[in-house]
Amino acid sequence: KKIGVSEETYRIVYQRDGGRCRLCNTYENLHLHHIESRNTHKELIDEPSNCVMLCQNCHLNIVHKNNKKYRPILKELIK
C-alpha cells in the first residue's frame, strides 16, 4: 500500500518551500519528499517538518541515491 500525505500537509510544505525545489530552486516537476523514511517513521508521515519539496531530478537522482548524505542537509533547509 502506498503511503501518502494529506492535501493539507502538501499545501503547507509547498507554501513553506515557496513552490520550488529546495536543492536547485526550480519550480518545475515538484515532488514531496519525506526526509525520514515513511516505512520506519510512520508517526512522521503527515508532518510538514518531515517533508520537503524537491524537483523530479533532485528527488530521484540525488536524494534516493544518496539519502543518508542529504538527510541532514534537508533537515537544515526546512528550519
Protein backbone atom coordinates (compact mmCIF):
# COMPACT_ATOMS: atom_id res chain seq x y z
CA LYS A 1 0.00 0.00 0.00
CA LYS A 2 1.33 3.41 -0.96
CA ILE A 3 1.73 5.80 1.95
CA GLY A 4 0.90 9.42 1.22
CA VAL A 5 0.34 12.71 2.98
CA SER A 6 -2.79 14.78 3.37
CA GLU A 7 -3.60 17.59 0.98
CA GLU A 8 -3.14 19.99 3.89
CA THR A 9 0.41 18.78 4.55
CA TYR A 10 1.26 19.03 0.85
CA ARG A 11 -0.11 22.61 0.75
CA ILE A 12 1.79 23.64 3.90
CA VAL A 13 5.09 22.23 2.60
CA TYR A 14 4.56 23.68 -0.89
CA GLN A 15 3.89 27.14 0.56
CA ARG A 16 6.71 26.94 3.11
CA ASP A 17 9.19 25.99 0.37
CA GLY A 18 7.98 28.72 -1.96
CA GLY A 19 6.69 26.29 -4.60
CA ARG A 20 10.25 25.41 -5.60
CA CYS A 21 12.82 22.67 -5.19
CA ARG A 22 14.80 23.29 -2.01
CA LEU A 23 18.00 21.96 -3.57
CA CYS A 24 18.14 23.51 -7.06
CA ASN A 25 15.38 26.16 -6.81
CA THR A 26 13.45 25.10 -9.92
CA TYR A 27 9.66 25.47 -9.95
CA GLU A 28 9.08 22.54 -12.33
CA ASN A 29 8.19 18.88 -11.76
CA LEU A 30 7.96 19.12 -7.96
CA HIS A 31 7.65 16.14 -5.65
CA LEU A 32 7.10 15.98 -1.92
CA HIS A 33 9.98 14.10 -0.31
CA HIS A 34 9.94 12.51 3.14
CA ILE A 35 13.20 13.28 4.94
CA GLU A 36 12.92 10.38 7.37
CA SER A 37 11.75 7.10 5.89
CA ARG A 38 7.99 6.61 5.68
CA ASN A 39 8.45 2.93 6.43
CA THR A 40 10.41 3.25 9.65
CA HIS A 41 8.94 6.52 10.96
CA LYS A 42 5.21 6.13 10.39
CA GLU A 43 4.46 8.73 13.08
CA LEU A 44 6.16 11.38 10.90
CA ILE A 45 4.30 10.61 7.66
CA ASP A 46 1.95 13.58 7.74
CA GLU A 47 4.24 16.06 9.48
CA PRO A 48 5.40 19.05 7.42
CA SER A 49 8.60 19.00 9.48
CA ASN A 50 9.48 15.68 7.82
CA CYS A 51 8.71 16.81 4.26
CA VAL A 52 10.42 18.97 1.67
CA MET A 53 9.66 19.93 -1.93
CA LEU A 54 12.15 18.65 -4.49
CA CYS A 55 12.10 18.61 -8.28
CA GLN A 56 11.95 15.27 -10.03
CA ASN A 57 15.66 15.34 -10.85
CA CYS A 58 16.80 16.07 -7.29
CA HIS A 59 14.23 13.70 -5.83
CA LEU A 60 15.16 10.72 -7.94
CA ASN A 61 18.78 11.19 -8.93
CA ILE A 62 20.26 12.87 -5.88
CA VAL A 63 18.24 12.08 -2.79
CA HIS A 64 17.31 8.46 -3.38
CA LYS A 65 20.84 7.56 -4.44
CA ASN A 66 22.46 9.40 -1.51
CA ASN A 67 19.63 9.63 1.02
CA LYS A 68 21.78 9.35 4.15
CA LYS A 69 24.11 12.07 2.88
CA TYR A 70 21.28 14.50 2.11
CA ARG A 71 19.06 13.87 5.15
CA PRO A 72 20.91 16.35 7.45
CA ILE A 73 21.06 18.95 4.66
CA LEU A 74 17.31 18.71 4.05
CA LYS A 75 16.58 18.97 7.78
CA GLU A 76 18.57 22.21 7.92
CA LEU A 77 16.80 23.65 4.86
CA ILE A 78 13.35 23.46 6.47
CA LYS A 79 14.29 25.05 9.80
